[in-house]
Amino acid sequence: MEIILSAVLTTVGIAMLCFGGNWLVSGGVTIAKKFRINNLVIGMTIVAYGTSTPELASSIAASGEHSAIILGNIVGSNIANIGMVMGLAAILVPLAVSKSSLKNDIPIMLAASFLLVLISIDGEISQYDGILLLGALGVFAFYTYKDVKKQREQNLDEIVLEKNSIHLKSMGFIGLGIVLLYVGAILTVDNAVVLAKEFGLSEKIIGLTVIAIGTSLPELLTSIIAIKKGHTDIGVGNILGSNIYNILMIMGVGATLGGVMVSSDAYVDYAVMIIFSASLLIALKTRFINRSLGICLTAGYFVYLIVTFFK
């Protein structure tokens, strides 16, 4: 009976993720158009923050006693975001990658990944390391703010002031979307964990796979919805931004609350995360993540899942 209830609640959670992702994208695109802000920036800020709330909720819930889940969730989510989310999205339609992403956003994502490896060398991501990550998040937020401000100044004469009710409606869609994503992810993850434990999976495996996939569902659904609406830049920005926030914000908060222990075999997962992230640099020449790369990313991710289950 418990298994049936968990399966039903998991389905309800996924449905909430679908509606939440749709509303989040709709609100974000509307605001981008009103203020002439680049869709990529919206994807990397409002949408990425919103779709990262499940990882944040999971990390806060797991802080202290279940720190293995935090590390597994973050690293697993970053791998899933590239391999599963971007891979499947690229199979649907080739993803255009802006010059800004290739020059700035992808290198920042890789730098955050290497920083995570560096602070893990002593076998623990301490509270001080968590503060360091949150400090780096502050620098990244300031950099993003400057970018948004520059864009608004360049397009100030094009901005059309609309009625406040329209802005409130858009903010309402974003707020409702984030709430649905948050609640839906908790329902999905919590009940998926119950189902996973019934099959005898370890806490680490649950973090790297079940919870990582569960908390990556908002990115997957939001990116697919954005792409279907013709906003591939929001889809790409969402994934890149989420991976950066997962390390700097989610791990920063999780480590600050109680520290995170790092086992020696975590470096294999670190390597996989960096390889998947670096693969996006293939788009340097074409500025597209084509279907061939999408198929390779998706296939590689499923191979990683199989190896993770049996190693």
Protein backbone atom coordinates (compact mmCIF):
# COMPACT_ATOMS: atom_id res chain seq x y z
CA MET A 1 0.00 0.00 0.00
CA GLU A 2 2.86 2.38 0.85
CA ILE A 3 4.50 1.68 -2.50
CA ILE A 4 1.26 2.45 -4.38
CA LEU A 5 0.78 5.71 -2.42
CA SER A 6 4.39 6.75 -3.13
CA ALA A 7 3.93 6.02 -6.84
CA VAL A 8 0.74 8.14 -6.94
CA LEU A 9 2.38 11.04 -5.07
CA THR A 10 5.39 10.84 -7.40
CA THR A 11 3.02 11.20 -10.37
CA VAL A 12 1.30 14.19 -8.73
CA GLY A 13 4.70 15.77 -8.11
CA ILE A 14 5.70 15.37 -11.76
CA ALA A 15 2.40 16.97 -12.86
CA MET A 16 3.13 19.96 -10.58
CA LEU A 17 6.58 20.22 -12.13
CA CYS A 18 5.00 20.41 -15.59
CA PHE A 19 2.63 23.24 -14.65
CA GLY A 20 5.31 25.03 -12.62
CA GLY A 21 7.82 24.91 -15.45
CA ASN A 22 5.28 26.28 -17.93
CA TRP A 23 4.31 29.22 -15.72
CA LEU A 24 7.91 30.01 -14.81
CA VAL A 25 8.92 30.22 -18.47
CA SER A 26 5.83 32.28 -19.40
CA GLY A 27 6.44 34.83 -16.64
CA GLY A 28 10.17 35.03 -17.35
CA VAL A 29 9.72 35.56 -21.10
CA THR A 30 7.11 38.29 -20.51
CA ILE A 31 9.45 40.21 -18.19
CA ALA A 32 12.33 39.77 -20.64
CA LYS A 33 10.27 41.30 -23.42
CA LYS A 34 8.98 44.17 -21.27
CA PHE A 35 12.45 45.27 -20.16
CA ARG A 36 14.36 44.19 -23.29
CA ILE A 37 16.53 41.86 -21.21
CA ASN A 38 18.26 39.05 -23.08
CA ASN A 39 16.37 35.75 -22.73
CA LEU A 40 19.66 34.01 -21.91
CA VAL A 41 20.08 36.24 -18.84
CA ILE A 42 16.50 35.50 -17.76
CA GLY A 43 17.23 31.81 -18.17
CA MET A 44 20.39 32.05 -16.07
CA THR A 45 18.78 34.10 -13.29
CA ILE A 46 15.02 33.94 -12.59
CA VAL A 47 14.42 30.61 -14.31
CA ALA A 48 17.66 28.98 -13.10
CA TYR A 49 17.09 30.11 -9.50
CA GLY A 50 13.53 28.80 -9.67
CA THR A 51 14.44 25.38 -11.05
CA SER A 52 17.29 25.05 -8.51
CA THR A 53 14.92 25.33 -5.53
CA PRO A 54 14.42 21.52 -5.37
CA GLU A 55 18.18 20.98 -4.95
CA LEU A 56 18.24 23.67 -2.27
CA ALA A 57 15.32 22.09 -0.39
CA SER A 58 16.90 18.63 -0.63
CA SER A 59 20.28 19.90 0.59
CA ILE A 60 18.81 21.73 3.59
CA ALA A 61 16.79 18.65 4.51
CA ALA A 62 19.87 16.40 4.20
CA SER A 63 22.37 18.71 5.96
CA GLY A 64 24.30 17.22 8.86
CA GLU A 65 23.44 13.54 9.22
CA HIS A 66 22.88 12.82 5.52
CA SER A 67 25.62 14.95 3.95
CA ALA A 68 26.40 12.20 1.42
CA ILE A 69 23.03 12.93 -0.16
CA ILE A 70 23.97 16.63 -0.59
CA LEU A 71 27.15 15.90 -2.54
CA GLY A 72 25.52 13.14 -4.56
CA ASN A 73 22.52 15.35 -5.31
CA ILE A 74 24.60 18.30 -6.53
CA VAL A 75 27.14 16.36 -8.59
CA GLY A 76 24.45 13.99 -9.88
CA SER A 77 22.15 16.91 -10.79
CA ASN A 78 24.91 18.70 -12.70
CA ILE A 79 25.67 15.54 -14.66
CA ALA A 80 21.95 14.97 -15.27
CA ASN A 81 21.46 18.59 -16.38
CA ILE A 82 24.05 18.20 -19.15
CA GLY A 83 23.61 14.53 -20.04
CA MET A 84 19.86 14.10 -19.62
CA VAL A 85 18.35 17.61 -19.85
CA MET A 86 20.58 19.23 -22.49
CA GLY A 87 21.04 15.92 -24.30
CA LEU A 88 17.30 15.26 -24.68
CA ALA A 89 16.62 18.92 -25.49
CA ALA A 90 19.24 18.88 -28.27
CA ILE A 91 17.67 15.73 -29.71
CA LEU A 92 14.35 17.59 -29.98
CA VAL A 93 15.92 20.61 -31.70
CA PRO A 94 19.54 21.79 -32.16
CA LEU A 95 20.34 24.29 -29.39
CA ALA A 96 21.88 27.62 -30.37
CA VAL A 97 24.68 28.61 -27.97
CA SER A 98 25.36 32.34 -27.77
CA LYS A 99 28.84 33.87 -27.99
CA SER A 100 28.36 35.11 -24.42
CA SER A 101 27.77 31.57 -23.15
CA LEU A 102 30.83 30.20 -24.93
CA LYS A 103 33.09 33.03 -23.70
CA ASN A 104 31.68 33.49 -20.19
CA ASP A 105 28.99 31.15 -18.89
CA ILE A 106 30.45 27.75 -19.80
CA PRO A 107 33.94 28.74 -18.49
CA ILE A 108 32.31 30.01 -15.25
CA MET A 109 30.49 26.68 -14.89
CA LEU A 110 33.76 24.80 -15.40
CA ALA A 111 35.58 27.11 -12.95
CA ALA A 112 32.92 26.42 -10.30
CA SER A 113 33.36 22.67 -10.91
CA PHE A 114 37.15 22.87 -10.47
CA LEU A 115 36.67 24.99 -7.33
CA LEU A 116 34.47 22.21 -5.90
CA VAL A 117 37.22 19.66 -6.59
CA LEU A 118 39.86 21.94 -5.04
CA ILE A 119 38.02 22.43 -1.74
CA SER A 120 37.37 18.67 -1.55
CA ILE A 121 41.04 17.67 -1.49
CA ASP A 122 41.18 17.47 2.32
CA GLY A 123 38.24 15.03 2.35
CA GLU A 124 35.68 17.54 3.58
CA ILE A 125 33.81 20.57 2.31
CA SER A 126 33.87 22.50 5.56
CA GLN A 127 31.70 25.35 6.79
CA TYR A 128 34.50 27.74 5.80
CA ASP A 129 34.47 26.24 2.32
CA GLY A 130 30.70 26.77 2.27
CA ILE A 131 31.20 30.45 3.08
CA LEU A 132 33.81 30.64 0.29
CA LEU A 133 31.28 29.20 -2.19
CA LEU A 134 28.60 31.67 -1.07
CA GLY A 135 31.13 34.48 -1.51
CA ALA A 136 31.81 33.29 -5.06
CA LEU A 137 28.03 33.23 -5.60
CA GLY A 138 27.92 36.89 -4.55
CA VAL A 139 30.61 37.75 -7.12
CA PHE A 140 28.71 35.86 -9.83
CA ALA A 141 25.46 37.60 -8.86
CA PHE A 142 27.17 41.00 -9.11
CA TYR A 143 28.59 40.08 -12.52
CA THR A 144 25.11 39.06 -13.70
CA TYR A 145 23.58 42.26 -12.30
CA LYS A 146 26.13 44.37 -14.18
CA ASP A 147 25.29 42.50 -17.37
CA VAL A 148 21.55 43.09 -16.90
CA LYS A 149 22.13 46.77 -16.07
CA LYS A 150 24.26 47.21 -19.19
CA GLN A 151 21.58 45.66 -21.38
CA ARG A 152 18.85 47.83 -19.89
CA GLU A 153 20.91 51.00 -20.40
CA GLN A 154 21.55 50.05 -24.02
CA ASN A 155 17.86 49.47 -24.65
CA LEU A 156 16.42 52.14 -22.37
CA ASP A 157 14.86 54.05 -25.21
CA GLU A 158 13.11 50.88 -26.42
CA ILE A 159 11.49 49.96 -23.11
CA VAL A 160 7.76 50.42 -23.22
CA LEU A 161 6.17 51.08 -19.87
CA GLU A 162 3.14 48.86 -19.36
CA LYS A 163 0.44 48.86 -16.75
CA ASN A 164 1.61 47.62 -13.37
CA SER A 165 -1.04 44.91 -13.47
CA ILE A 166 0.77 43.24 -16.36
CA HIS A 167 4.06 43.16 -14.43
CA LEU A 168 2.27 41.86 -11.35
CA LYS A 169 0.66 39.13 -13.43
CA SER A 170 4.04 38.07 -14.82
CA MET A 171 5.60 38.07 -11.34
CA GLY A 172 2.60 36.08 -10.15
CA PHE A 173 3.24 33.44 -12.82
CA ILE A 174 6.90 33.25 -11.78
CA GLY A 175 5.99 32.99 -8.09
CA LEU A 176 3.37 30.28 -8.69
CA GLY A 177 5.76 28.44 -10.98
CA ILE A 178 8.51 28.40 -8.35
CA VAL A 179 6.09 27.26 -5.63
CA LEU A 180 4.77 24.43 -7.81
CA LEU A 181 8.30 23.40 -8.76
CA TYR A 182 9.33 23.43 -5.10
CA VAL A 183 6.37 21.41 -3.79
CA GLY A 184 6.30 19.14 -6.84
CA ALA A 185 10.00 18.34 -6.50
CA ILE A 186 9.64 17.52 -2.79
CA LEU A 187 6.72 15.18 -3.53
CA THR A 188 8.62 13.57 -6.38
CA VAL A 189 11.92 13.18 -4.56
CA ASP A 190 10.57 12.08 -1.16
CA ASN A 191 8.36 9.40 -2.64
CA ALA A 192 10.95 8.31 -5.19
CA VAL A 193 13.35 7.76 -2.25
CA VAL A 194 10.74 5.55 -0.57
CA LEU A 195 10.42 3.52 -3.76
CA ALA A 196 14.22 3.33 -4.15
CA LYS A 197 14.75 2.12 -0.59
CA GLU A 198 12.27 -0.67 -1.23
CA PHE A 199 14.79 -1.93 -3.78
CA GLY A 200 17.71 -1.65 -1.33
CA LEU A 201 19.64 1.25 -2.88
CA SER A 202 22.31 3.03 -0.77
CA GLU A 203 22.07 6.65 0.34
CA LYS A 204 24.88 7.68 -2.00
CA ILE A 205 23.28 5.97 -4.99
CA ILE A 206 19.96 7.59 -4.10
CA GLY A 207 21.65 11.01 -4.09
CA LEU A 208 23.51 10.48 -7.37
CA THR A 209 20.59 8.98 -9.25
CA VAL A 210 17.06 9.09 -7.83
CA ILE A 211 17.27 12.48 -6.09
CA ALA A 212 19.56 13.95 -8.77
CA ILE A 213 17.14 12.97 -11.53
CA GLY A 214 14.15 14.06 -9.43
CA THR A 215 15.59 17.50 -8.72
CA SER A 216 16.66 17.85 -12.37
CA LEU A 217 13.09 17.33 -13.59
CA PRO A 218 12.32 21.08 -13.27
CA GLU A 219 15.29 21.87 -15.52
CA LEU A 220 14.24 19.15 -17.96
CA LEU A 221 10.59 20.17 -18.15
CA THR A 222 11.29 23.91 -18.08
CA SER A 223 13.91 23.61 -20.84
CA ILE A 224 11.66 21.45 -23.03
CA ILE A 225 8.74 23.87 -22.51
CA ALA A 226 10.99 26.85 -23.35
CA ILE A 227 12.28 25.12 -26.48
CA LYS A 228 8.75 24.21 -27.63
CA LYS A 229 7.86 27.90 -27.22
CA GLY A 230 10.84 28.81 -29.41
CA HIS A 231 13.06 30.13 -26.58
CA THR A 232 16.11 27.85 -26.83
CA ASP A 233 18.27 30.54 -25.21
CA ILE A 234 16.18 30.30 -22.02
CA GLY A 235 16.60 26.51 -22.09
CA VAL A 236 20.39 26.75 -22.43
CA GLY A 237 20.65 29.59 -19.89
CA ASN A 238 18.52 27.61 -17.42
CA ILE A 239 20.87 24.61 -17.55
CA LEU A 240 24.12 26.60 -17.34
CA GLY A 241 22.77 28.83 -14.56
CA SER A 242 21.41 25.86 -12.59
CA ASN A 243 24.77 24.07 -12.68
CA ILE A 244 26.55 27.18 -11.41
CA TYR A 245 23.97 27.74 -8.64
CA ASN A 246 24.06 24.06 -7.64
CA ILE A 247 27.74 24.34 -6.76
CA LEU A 248 27.98 27.89 -5.45
CA MET A 249 24.57 28.29 -3.77
CA ILE A 250 23.31 24.78 -2.96
CA MET A 251 26.65 23.32 -1.86
CA GLY A 252 27.49 26.64 -0.20
CA VAL A 253 24.33 26.52 1.92
CA GLY A 254 24.63 22.77 2.61
CA ALA A 255 28.28 22.99 3.69
CA THR A 256 27.72 26.13 5.79
CA LEU A 257 24.95 24.39 7.72
CA GLY A 258 27.10 21.44 8.77
CA GLY A 259 29.93 20.52 6.43
CA VAL A 260 29.97 17.75 3.83
CA MET A 261 32.25 14.71 3.92
CA VAL A 262 33.89 13.71 0.62
CA SER A 263 34.76 10.06 -0.01
CA SER A 264 37.63 9.07 -2.33
CA ASP A 265 35.33 7.64 -4.99
CA ALA A 266 33.60 11.03 -5.35
CA TYR A 267 36.45 12.12 -7.64
CA VAL A 268 35.20 9.72 -10.31
CA ASP A 269 31.86 11.53 -10.28
CA TYR A 270 33.68 14.89 -10.27
CA ALA A 271 35.57 13.79 -13.39
CA VAL A 272 32.35 12.74 -15.14
CA MET A 273 30.73 16.09 -14.24
CA ILE A 274 33.67 18.06 -15.67
CA ILE A 275 33.85 15.92 -18.83
CA PHE A 276 30.14 16.42 -19.51
CA SER A 277 30.44 20.17 -18.89
CA ALA A 278 33.58 20.52 -21.06
CA SER A 279 31.85 18.67 -23.91
CA LEU A 280 29.73 21.78 -24.49
CA LEU A 281 32.88 23.55 -25.73
CA ILE A 282 32.49 21.46 -28.89
CA ALA A 283 29.97 24.13 -29.88
CA LEU A 284 32.82 26.69 -30.17
CA LYS A 285 32.91 26.31 -33.96
CA THR A 286 29.27 25.77 -34.89
CA ARG A 287 27.65 27.59 -31.91
CA PHE A 288 25.10 24.79 -31.90
CA ILE A 289 24.62 21.75 -29.71
CA ASN A 290 23.39 19.50 -32.50
CA ARG A 291 21.40 16.26 -32.37
CA SER A 292 24.54 14.13 -32.71
CA LEU A 293 26.04 15.66 -29.57
CA GLY A 294 22.64 15.41 -27.88
CA ILE A 295 22.50 11.67 -28.61
CA CYS A 296 26.07 11.22 -27.32
CA LEU A 297 25.29 13.14 -24.11
CA THR A 298 22.09 11.18 -23.46
CA ALA A 299 23.71 7.81 -24.21
CA GLY A 300 26.71 8.73 -22.05
CA TYR A 301 24.43 9.67 -19.18
CA PHE A 302 22.56 6.38 -19.25
CA VAL A 303 25.87 4.49 -19.35
CA TYR A 304 26.95 6.52 -16.30
CA LEU A 305 23.72 5.56 -14.50
CA ILE A 306 24.22 1.87 -15.23
CA VAL A 307 27.87 1.96 -14.07
CA THR A 308 26.87 3.90 -10.92
CA PHE A 309 24.29 1.29 -9.98
CA PHE A 310 26.70 -1.61 -10.35
CA LYS A 311 30.04 -0.18 -9.18
